[in-house]
Amino acid sequence: MTMKTLLLGAVSVLALSGMASAETLTIATVNNGDMIRMQKLTDDFTKANPDIQLKWVTLEENILRQKVTTDVATKGGQYDIMTIGIYEAPIWGKQGWLVPLDKLTADKSYDANDLLPAIRSGLTVNGKLYAAPFYGESSFVMYRKDLFEKAGLKMPEKPTWDFIADAARKITDKSKEVYGICLRGKAGWGENMAFLTAMSNSFGARWFNEKWQPQFNTPEWKKTLDFYVKLMKDAGPPGASSNGFNENLALFQTGKCGMWIDATVAASFVTDPKASKVANEVGFALAPDNGLGKRGNWLWSWNLAIPAGSKKVAAAEKFIEWATSKHYTDLVAEKDGWANVPPGTRTSLYDNPNYLKAAPFAKMTLESIDSADPKHPTVKPVPYEGVQYVAIPEFQAIGTAVGQQFSAALAGQESVDQALKTAQMLTEREMKKAGYPKK
């Protein structure tokens, strides 16, 4: 055998070993527009990292939560990167279910200090970041200026719930399939209960009192749910109990909603002329209040995290750094315009004149994020943190069970009183089973 043949053989072996060492990252994510866009732009990442391949598992919000919770709790190792919320990140980080992102926080080019304080602190446990924010949001009112003008109405910057309800009824025209308001009705702790919990805060309600006793038997919750169900019956679309974020987005973009109170991240989608028939008619206002000192806006972020069961931590860190970096923001701006970059995570974005010019909703988004107060979410004192959720592990199951009752009330399958009574009973039972109040 010649030296040349030996060398060629060695090169072939090296090439084969290089191919064999290419790692495949399995990424579980939610089927929201920003995540779909991220998948389309990953050529930018794989060109720079040819030894890393990506496999996407894209799921509807409720299903994603079930699957990643099961996998992370059992250290199943099915996913290398998970899209999780600001609710899960600190709880799972504390339980040792996530890999701390120490390399990111130490990387000067990543600039972790640029992350918005409200978002970063919600993802941090004992000084360690356990998930990197992909986008952050609060919630506000999106409305049709043309319908308001036609009805002789003017939207205040800080509306009350009574104004919203009155306006919704006035701009409803069911014969033309125009509904005054679209609100979440699909059952789930992060679907209808995200909206209703934030709304209930502004009505003076709370999930638990200081002794961890459930509060669904109080006048404040009765008023919240009565108001919601009656408003949706009068001015909401048919089948509202099946509608979550994506369903309401589609209704709004096709001109069937006069108002939609939901995530601030939706602003770029409803004002995009390529996707929205009403793009030029959309106005924005802060989430409503009842004069009690709390608005019905939440605080949320979708984040990328590495489960402790992953065997591909180094590769996963590289991807997370790419997807949540300033470089990625610039990439989206270049491909799809500044209005479509992931919002709500970095201070520098809200100082960027290009973004402020392209995104008329930017200032109100930041104001809504900054005003949400997870440590003091309610009018009366509570023993928990979280604006539209309760930051305890048990909330995921309880919130979804309560959400099913409230969705049934919206669908007319049971009365508001019955839904609240069942919510009280099942929450009491689950909290007792979990050992609350904890000593």
Protein backbone atom coordinates (compact mmCIF):
# COMPACT_ATOMS: atom_id res chain seq x y z
CA MET A 1 0.00 0.00 0.00
CA THR A 2 1.42 3.39 -1.02
CA MET A 3 1.82 6.36 1.26
CA LYS A 4 -0.75 8.18 -0.92
CA THR A 5 -3.34 5.44 -0.35
CA LEU A 6 -2.69 5.50 3.39
CA LEU A 7 -3.14 9.26 3.50
CA LEU A 8 -6.37 9.10 1.47
CA GLY A 9 -7.67 6.38 3.79
CA ALA A 10 -6.85 8.48 6.85
CA VAL A 11 -8.63 11.48 5.33
CA SER A 12 -11.72 9.32 4.59
CA VAL A 13 -11.78 8.02 8.17
CA LEU A 14 -11.50 11.58 9.49
CA ALA A 15 -14.30 12.74 7.20
CA LEU A 16 -16.52 9.89 8.32
CA SER A 17 -15.77 10.52 12.00
CA GLY A 18 -16.56 14.21 11.41
CA MET A 19 -19.93 13.29 9.95
CA ALA A 20 -20.59 10.87 12.79
CA SER A 21 -19.86 13.56 15.36
CA ALA A 22 -22.53 15.90 13.92
CA GLU A 23 -25.03 16.34 16.73
CA THR A 24 -28.78 16.61 16.27
CA LEU A 25 -30.55 18.93 18.69
CA THR A 26 -34.22 18.17 19.26
CA ILE A 27 -36.03 21.43 20.00
CA ALA A 28 -39.56 21.51 21.44
CA THR A 29 -41.36 24.76 20.72
CA VAL A 30 -44.79 26.38 20.60
CA ASN A 31 -46.59 27.01 17.29
CA ASN A 32 -46.58 30.81 17.65
CA GLY A 33 -45.59 33.04 14.74
CA ASP A 34 -42.25 34.15 16.17
CA MET A 35 -41.12 30.55 16.67
CA ILE A 36 -42.22 29.59 13.15
CA ARG A 37 -40.12 32.51 11.85
CA MET A 38 -37.12 31.33 13.90
CA GLN A 39 -37.31 27.90 12.23
CA LYS A 40 -37.22 29.52 8.79
CA LEU A 41 -34.08 31.50 9.68
CA THR A 42 -31.99 28.66 11.13
CA ASP A 43 -29.84 28.35 7.99
CA ASP A 44 -27.93 31.26 9.49
CA PHE A 45 -27.12 29.07 12.51
CA THR A 46 -26.39 25.79 10.70
CA LYS A 47 -24.03 27.47 8.20
CA ALA A 48 -21.97 28.77 11.11
CA ASN A 49 -22.29 25.41 12.95
CA PRO A 50 -22.23 22.65 10.28
CA ASP A 51 -21.63 20.02 12.98
CA ILE A 52 -25.05 20.72 14.55
CA GLN A 53 -28.33 19.62 12.98
CA LEU A 54 -31.76 20.72 14.20
CA LYS A 55 -34.91 18.66 14.63
CA TRP A 56 -38.07 20.62 15.47
CA VAL A 57 -41.06 19.43 17.47
CA THR A 58 -43.65 22.21 17.09
CA LEU A 59 -46.76 21.86 19.26
CA GLU A 60 -49.89 23.72 20.32
CA GLU A 61 -49.36 25.51 23.65
CA ASN A 62 -51.27 23.16 25.98
CA ILE A 63 -49.75 20.02 24.42
CA LEU A 64 -46.23 21.49 24.50
CA ARG A 65 -46.58 22.14 28.23
CA GLN A 66 -47.73 18.59 28.97
CA LYS A 67 -44.93 16.97 26.96
CA VAL A 68 -42.02 19.09 28.21
CA THR A 69 -43.21 18.90 31.83
CA THR A 70 -43.31 15.10 31.69
CA ASP A 71 -39.92 14.92 29.97
CA VAL A 72 -38.11 17.35 32.26
CA ALA A 73 -39.55 15.85 35.46
CA THR A 74 -38.47 12.32 34.50
CA LYS A 75 -35.15 13.46 32.93
CA GLY A 76 -36.38 11.60 29.85
CA GLY A 77 -33.91 13.29 27.52
CA GLN A 78 -36.39 13.49 24.65
CA TYR A 79 -35.58 17.17 24.05
CA ASP A 80 -32.27 19.04 24.13
CA ILE A 81 -33.89 22.49 24.13
CA MET A 82 -37.33 23.35 25.44
CA THR A 83 -39.45 26.44 24.96
CA ILE A 84 -40.77 27.17 28.46
CA GLY A 85 -42.47 30.07 30.18
CA ILE A 86 -41.45 32.50 32.88
CA TYR A 87 -43.67 30.39 35.19
CA GLU A 88 -41.74 27.14 34.75
CA ALA A 89 -38.17 28.49 34.56
CA PRO A 90 -37.59 29.42 38.25
CA ILE A 91 -39.56 26.44 39.60
CA TRP A 92 -37.71 23.93 37.43
CA GLY A 93 -34.37 25.68 37.97
CA LYS A 94 -34.85 25.38 41.73
CA GLN A 95 -35.66 21.68 41.39
CA GLY A 96 -32.46 21.02 39.43
CA TRP A 97 -34.34 20.14 36.24
CA LEU A 98 -32.57 22.76 34.06
CA VAL A 99 -28.95 23.49 33.18
CA PRO A 100 -27.92 26.99 34.39
CA LEU A 101 -26.86 29.22 31.50
CA ASP A 102 -23.64 30.43 33.13
CA LYS A 103 -21.74 30.63 29.82
CA LEU A 104 -24.33 33.02 28.38
CA THR A 105 -24.25 35.37 31.33
CA ALA A 106 -20.43 35.40 31.21
CA ASP A 107 -20.31 36.08 27.45
CA LYS A 108 -19.76 39.81 26.89
CA SER A 109 -20.95 39.69 23.27
CA TYR A 110 -24.26 38.16 24.42
CA ASP A 111 -24.70 41.07 26.86
CA ALA A 112 -26.95 39.53 29.51
CA ASN A 113 -27.05 42.92 31.26
CA ASP A 114 -29.08 44.23 28.32
CA LEU A 115 -31.97 41.88 29.20
CA LEU A 116 -34.99 43.76 30.59
CA PRO A 117 -34.81 43.56 34.42
CA ALA A 118 -38.43 42.38 34.83
CA ILE A 119 -37.85 39.47 32.45
CA ARG A 120 -34.34 38.52 33.61
CA SER A 121 -35.27 38.47 37.30
CA GLY A 122 -38.20 36.15 36.54
CA LEU A 123 -35.80 33.60 34.98
CA THR A 124 -33.14 33.79 37.70
CA VAL A 125 -32.75 31.65 40.82
CA ASN A 126 -29.98 32.37 43.34
CA GLY A 127 -28.20 34.60 40.85
CA LYS A 128 -28.23 32.01 38.04
CA LEU A 129 -30.12 32.41 34.74
CA TYR A 130 -31.98 29.17 33.94
CA ALA A 131 -33.61 30.16 30.64
CA ALA A 132 -32.84 32.74 27.95
CA PRO A 133 -35.76 34.92 26.86
CA PHE A 134 -36.77 34.61 23.20
CA TYR A 135 -39.55 37.15 23.48
CA GLY A 136 -41.29 38.93 26.32
CA GLU A 137 -44.79 40.32 26.55
CA SER A 138 -47.46 41.93 28.61
CA SER A 139 -51.04 42.32 27.39
CA PHE A 140 -53.03 45.27 26.08
CA VAL A 141 -56.03 46.27 23.99
CA MET A 142 -55.84 46.07 20.20
CA TYR A 143 -58.82 47.71 18.51
CA ARG A 144 -60.23 48.76 15.14
CA LYS A 145 -60.03 52.53 14.78
CA ASP A 146 -62.44 52.50 11.82
CA LEU A 147 -65.17 50.72 13.82
CA PHE A 148 -64.72 53.09 16.74
CA GLU A 149 -64.98 56.10 14.45
CA LYS A 150 -68.11 54.73 12.79
CA ALA A 151 -69.73 54.25 16.22
CA GLY A 152 -68.65 57.73 17.37
CA LEU A 153 -66.36 56.32 20.06
CA LYS A 154 -62.89 57.36 21.15
CA MET A 155 -60.63 54.83 22.86
CA PRO A 156 -58.89 56.29 25.95
CA GLU A 157 -55.22 55.40 26.45
CA LYS A 158 -56.22 53.93 29.85
CA PRO A 159 -59.71 52.42 29.40
CA THR A 160 -61.92 50.96 32.13
CA TRP A 161 -63.67 47.61 31.83
CA ASP A 162 -67.04 49.40 31.71
CA PHE A 163 -65.90 51.44 28.70
CA ILE A 164 -64.58 48.31 26.95
CA ALA A 165 -67.86 46.43 27.53
CA ASP A 166 -70.00 49.34 26.34
CA ALA A 167 -67.86 49.86 23.23
CA ALA A 168 -67.82 46.11 22.43
CA ARG A 169 -71.60 45.95 22.42
CA LYS A 170 -71.90 49.09 20.28
CA ILE A 171 -69.50 47.95 17.53
CA THR A 172 -70.87 44.40 17.29
CA ASP A 173 -72.65 43.60 14.03
CA LYS A 174 -73.35 39.87 14.04
CA SER A 175 -75.11 40.03 10.65
CA LYS A 176 -71.73 41.01 9.12
CA GLU A 177 -69.73 38.64 11.35
CA VAL A 178 -68.12 41.55 13.19
CA TYR A 179 -67.83 40.87 16.91
CA GLY A 180 -67.09 43.67 19.35
CA ILE A 181 -64.53 41.73 21.35
CA CYS A 182 -62.45 38.54 21.13
CA LEU A 183 -61.08 37.07 24.37
CA ARG A 184 -59.51 33.73 25.20
CA GLY A 185 -61.95 30.95 26.05
CA LYS A 186 -59.92 27.79 25.40
CA ALA A 187 -59.28 25.91 28.64
CA GLY A 188 -55.74 25.90 30.00
CA TRP A 189 -53.76 27.56 32.77
CA GLY A 190 -51.81 29.48 30.11
CA GLU A 191 -54.83 30.00 27.84
CA ASN A 192 -58.14 31.25 29.28
CA MET A 193 -56.78 31.35 32.84
CA ALA A 194 -53.89 33.62 31.85
CA PHE A 195 -56.44 36.14 30.62
CA LEU A 196 -58.98 35.62 33.41
CA THR A 197 -56.44 35.66 36.25
CA ALA A 198 -54.97 38.96 35.00
CA MET A 199 -58.50 40.32 34.52
CA SER A 200 -59.53 39.19 38.01
CA ASN A 201 -56.61 41.12 39.56
CA SER A 202 -58.18 44.34 38.27
CA PHE A 203 -61.54 43.31 39.80
CA GLY A 204 -59.89 42.91 43.22
CA ALA A 205 -59.91 39.09 43.12
CA ARG A 206 -57.10 36.70 44.02
CA TRP A 207 -56.49 32.96 43.77
CA PHE A 208 -55.61 32.51 47.46
CA ASN A 209 -55.70 34.58 50.62
CA GLU A 210 -52.67 34.86 52.91
CA LYS A 211 -53.46 31.43 54.43
CA TRP A 212 -53.49 29.74 50.99
CA GLN A 213 -57.27 29.34 51.10
CA PRO A 214 -58.85 29.41 47.59
CA GLN A 215 -61.01 32.47 46.91
CA PHE A 216 -63.44 31.47 44.14
CA ASN A 217 -66.32 31.80 46.60
CA THR A 218 -65.79 35.58 46.90
CA PRO A 219 -67.82 38.43 45.31
CA GLU A 220 -64.73 39.60 43.36
CA TRP A 221 -64.45 36.33 41.39
CA LYS A 222 -68.23 36.22 40.86
CA LYS A 223 -68.12 39.74 39.42
CA THR A 224 -65.14 38.88 37.18
CA LEU A 225 -66.66 35.73 35.67
CA ASP A 226 -70.16 37.23 35.34
CA PHE A 227 -68.76 40.24 33.52
CA TYR A 228 -66.68 38.08 31.16
CA VAL A 229 -69.39 35.55 30.29
CA LYS A 230 -72.09 38.21 29.69
CA LEU A 231 -69.74 40.34 27.58
CA MET A 232 -68.71 37.38 25.42
CA LYS A 233 -72.32 36.28 25.00
CA ASP A 234 -73.36 39.76 23.85
CA ALA A 235 -70.33 40.81 21.81
CA GLY A 236 -68.03 37.79 21.31
CA PRO A 237 -67.69 35.40 18.38
CA PRO A 238 -69.50 32.05 18.26
CA GLY A 239 -67.53 29.10 19.62
CA ALA A 240 -65.40 31.39 21.82
CA SER A 241 -64.82 28.61 24.36
CA SER A 242 -62.51 26.95 21.78
CA ASN A 243 -60.48 30.09 21.03
CA GLY A 244 -56.95 30.67 22.31
CA PHE A 245 -54.25 33.09 21.16
CA ASN A 246 -53.88 31.76 17.61
CA GLU A 247 -57.62 31.44 16.94
CA ASN A 248 -58.31 35.01 18.09
CA LEU A 249 -55.34 36.29 16.09
CA ALA A 250 -56.86 34.76 12.94
CA LEU A 251 -60.27 36.30 13.73
CA PHE A 252 -58.76 39.74 14.28
CA GLN A 253 -56.60 39.60 11.14
CA THR A 254 -59.62 38.72 9.00
CA GLY A 255 -61.65 41.66 10.30
CA LYS A 256 -64.01 39.78 12.61
CA CYS A 257 -62.96 41.38 15.94
CA GLY A 258 -63.53 44.97 16.94
CA MET A 259 -61.26 44.57 19.98
CA TRP A 260 -58.87 41.93 21.20
CA ILE A 261 -57.23 42.01 24.64
CA ASP A 262 -54.21 39.75 24.53
CA ALA A 263 -50.43 39.49 24.33
CA THR A 264 -48.50 42.56 23.22
CA VAL A 265 -46.48 40.26 20.95
CA ALA A 266 -49.54 40.06 18.67
CA ALA A 267 -49.12 43.73 17.71
CA SER A 268 -46.64 43.05 14.91
CA PHE A 269 -48.94 40.38 13.41
CA VAL A 270 -52.14 42.45 13.41
CA THR A 271 -50.33 45.43 11.84
CA ASP A 272 -48.58 43.38 9.15
CA PRO A 273 -50.25 44.21 5.79
CA LYS A 274 -49.15 40.84 4.37
CA ALA A 275 -51.08 38.92 7.04
CA SER A 276 -53.78 41.27 8.33
CA LYS A 277 -56.71 42.70 6.35
CA VAL A 278 -57.10 45.45 8.97
CA ALA A 279 -53.39 46.33 9.37
CA ASN A 280 -53.90 50.05 8.76
CA GLU A 281 -56.84 50.37 11.16
CA VAL A 282 -55.31 49.00 14.37
CA GLY A 283 -54.94 51.13 17.50
CA PHE A 284 -53.60 50.22 20.93
CA ALA A 285 -54.54 51.02 24.54
CA LEU A 286 -53.41 49.82 27.96
CA ALA A 287 -55.21 46.84 29.51
CA PRO A 288 -58.43 47.89 31.28
CA ASP A 289 -58.86 48.60 34.98
CA ASN A 290 -61.66 49.13 37.50
CA GLY A 291 -60.15 52.02 39.42
CA LEU A 292 -58.72 49.70 42.09
CA GLY A 293 -55.06 50.32 41.25
CA LYS A 294 -54.44 47.19 39.13
CA ARG A 295 -54.76 46.83 35.38
CA GLY A 296 -55.64 43.51 33.75
CA ASN A 297 -52.23 43.10 32.08
CA TRP A 298 -49.87 40.19 32.57
CA LEU A 299 -46.14 39.52 32.33
CA TRP A 300 -44.82 36.61 30.30
CA SER A 301 -41.86 35.46 28.31
CA TRP A 302 -41.23 32.45 26.13
CA ASN A 303 -37.72 31.23 26.79
CA LEU A 304 -35.26 28.60 25.65
CA ALA A 305 -33.86 26.25 28.29
CA ILE A 306 -31.76 23.09 28.44
CA PRO A 307 -33.22 20.19 30.43
CA ALA A 308 -30.84 18.48 32.82
CA GLY A 309 -31.45 15.22 30.91
CA SER A 310 -29.79 16.52 27.71
CA LYS A 311 -26.48 14.93 26.68
CA LYS A 312 -25.76 17.77 24.21
CA VAL A 313 -25.40 20.78 26.48
CA ALA A 314 -22.55 22.52 24.61
CA ALA A 315 -24.39 22.39 21.26
CA ALA A 316 -27.65 23.47 22.93
CA GLU A 317 -25.90 26.47 24.50
CA LYS A 318 -24.65 27.53 21.07
CA PHE A 319 -28.15 27.45 19.61
CA ILE A 320 -29.73 29.32 22.53
CA GLU A 321 -27.06 32.00 22.30
CA TRP A 322 -27.80 32.41 18.57
CA ALA A 323 -31.61 32.51 18.95
CA THR A 324 -31.72 35.02 21.81
CA SER A 325 -28.86 37.30 20.75
CA LYS A 326 -28.71 40.81 19.30
CA HIS A 327 -27.42 39.14 16.11
CA TYR A 328 -30.73 37.27 15.76
CA THR A 329 -32.67 40.52 16.23
CA ASP A 330 -30.64 42.09 13.40
CA LEU A 331 -31.23 39.02 11.23
CA VAL A 332 -35.03 39.25 11.60
CA ALA A 333 -34.90 43.00 10.93
CA GLU A 334 -32.92 42.39 7.76
CA LYS A 335 -35.22 39.60 6.48
CA ASP A 336 -38.66 40.67 7.72
CA GLY A 337 -38.37 44.28 8.91
CA TRP A 338 -37.84 45.86 12.31
CA ALA A 339 -41.51 45.64 13.29
CA ASN A 340 -41.24 41.83 13.36
CA VAL A 341 -38.23 41.34 15.63
CA PRO A 342 -38.92 39.42 18.87
CA PRO A 343 -40.01 42.07 21.39
CA GLY A 344 -39.84 42.49 25.13
CA THR A 345 -36.44 41.07 26.08
CA ARG A 346 -33.73 43.70 25.57
CA THR A 347 -33.45 47.30 26.76
CA SER A 348 -31.43 48.23 23.67
CA LEU A 349 -34.37 47.40 21.38
CA TYR A 350 -36.46 50.14 22.99
CA ASP A 351 -33.61 52.64 22.49
CA ASN A 352 -33.30 51.69 18.80
CA PRO A 353 -34.73 54.43 16.53
CA ASN A 354 -35.24 51.94 13.68
CA TYR A 355 -37.48 49.79 15.87
CA LEU A 356 -39.37 52.71 17.42
CA LYS A 357 -40.11 54.08 13.96
CA ALA A 358 -41.30 50.72 12.59
CA ALA A 359 -43.28 49.62 15.68
CA PRO A 360 -45.95 52.14 16.79
CA PHE A 361 -46.82 49.75 19.64
CA ALA A 362 -43.27 49.66 21.10
CA LYS A 363 -43.70 52.33 23.78
CA MET A 364 -46.97 50.90 25.07
CA THR A 365 -45.52 47.36 25.09
CA LEU A 366 -42.62 48.48 27.27
CA GLU A 367 -44.93 50.48 29.54
CA SER A 368 -47.16 47.40 29.97
CA ILE A 369 -44.20 45.10 30.72
CA ASP A 370 -42.72 47.57 33.22
CA SER A 371 -46.05 48.11 35.01
CA ALA A 372 -46.77 44.41 35.60
CA ASP A 373 -45.78 43.50 39.15
CA PRO A 374 -45.41 39.73 39.78
CA LYS A 375 -44.37 40.31 43.39
CA HIS A 376 -47.55 42.33 44.18
CA PRO A 377 -50.05 41.21 41.55
CA THR A 378 -53.33 41.80 43.39
CA VAL A 379 -55.29 44.51 45.22
CA LYS A 380 -55.39 42.48 48.46
CA PRO A 381 -52.22 40.80 49.81
CA VAL A 382 -51.34 37.29 48.64
CA PRO A 383 -48.70 34.69 49.62
CA TYR A 384 -47.69 34.03 46.01
CA GLU A 385 -45.93 35.68 43.09
CA GLY A 386 -47.12 35.78 39.48
CA VAL A 387 -49.53 38.07 37.64
CA GLN A 388 -51.53 35.63 35.48
CA TYR A 389 -50.41 32.50 37.30
CA VAL A 390 -49.47 31.38 40.81
CA ALA A 391 -45.78 30.51 41.00
CA ILE A 392 -46.15 27.11 42.69
CA PRO A 393 -45.65 23.70 41.02
CA GLU A 394 -49.26 22.67 41.69
CA PHE A 395 -50.68 25.55 39.66
CA GLN A 396 -50.26 23.88 36.28
CA ALA A 397 -52.79 21.15 37.08
CA ILE A 398 -55.11 23.31 39.20
CA GLY A 399 -55.12 26.19 36.71
CA THR A 400 -56.08 23.91 33.84
CA ALA A 401 -58.85 22.21 35.86
CA VAL A 402 -60.30 25.60 36.82
CA GLY A 403 -59.91 26.73 33.21
CA GLN A 404 -62.09 23.80 32.09
CA GLN A 405 -64.86 24.95 34.45
CA PHE A 406 -64.71 28.53 33.22
CA SER A 407 -64.61 27.44 29.58
CA ALA A 408 -67.75 25.36 30.22
CA ALA A 409 -69.46 28.42 31.74
CA LEU A 410 -68.57 30.44 28.64
CA ALA A 411 -69.97 27.69 26.40
CA GLY A 412 -73.22 27.73 28.42
CA GLN A 413 -72.71 24.17 29.63
CA GLU A 414 -72.94 25.26 33.26
CA SER A 415 -73.77 28.41 35.20
CA VAL A 416 -71.19 30.91 36.45
CA ASP A 417 -72.16 30.00 40.03
CA GLN A 418 -71.67 26.28 39.40
CA ALA A 419 -68.30 26.87 37.69
CA LEU A 420 -67.06 28.92 40.65
CA LYS A 421 -68.37 26.39 43.17
CA THR A 422 -66.58 23.51 41.40
CA ALA A 423 -63.41 25.61 41.00
CA GLN A 424 -63.42 26.31 44.75
CA MET A 425 -63.97 22.65 45.63
CA LEU A 426 -61.31 21.18 43.34
CA THR A 427 -58.73 23.84 44.28
CA GLU A 428 -59.33 23.24 48.00
CA ARG A 429 -58.92 19.49 47.45
CA GLU A 430 -55.69 19.77 45.43
CA MET A 431 -54.12 22.28 47.81
CA LYS A 432 -54.94 20.10 50.80
CA LYS A 433 -53.46 17.09 49.01
CA ALA A 434 -50.29 19.11 48.30
CA GLY A 435 -49.93 19.98 52.00
CA TYR A 436 -50.87 23.68 52.02
CA PRO A 437 -50.53 25.80 54.02
CA LYS A 438 -46.89 24.67 54.16
CA LYS A 439 -45.25 25.09 57.55
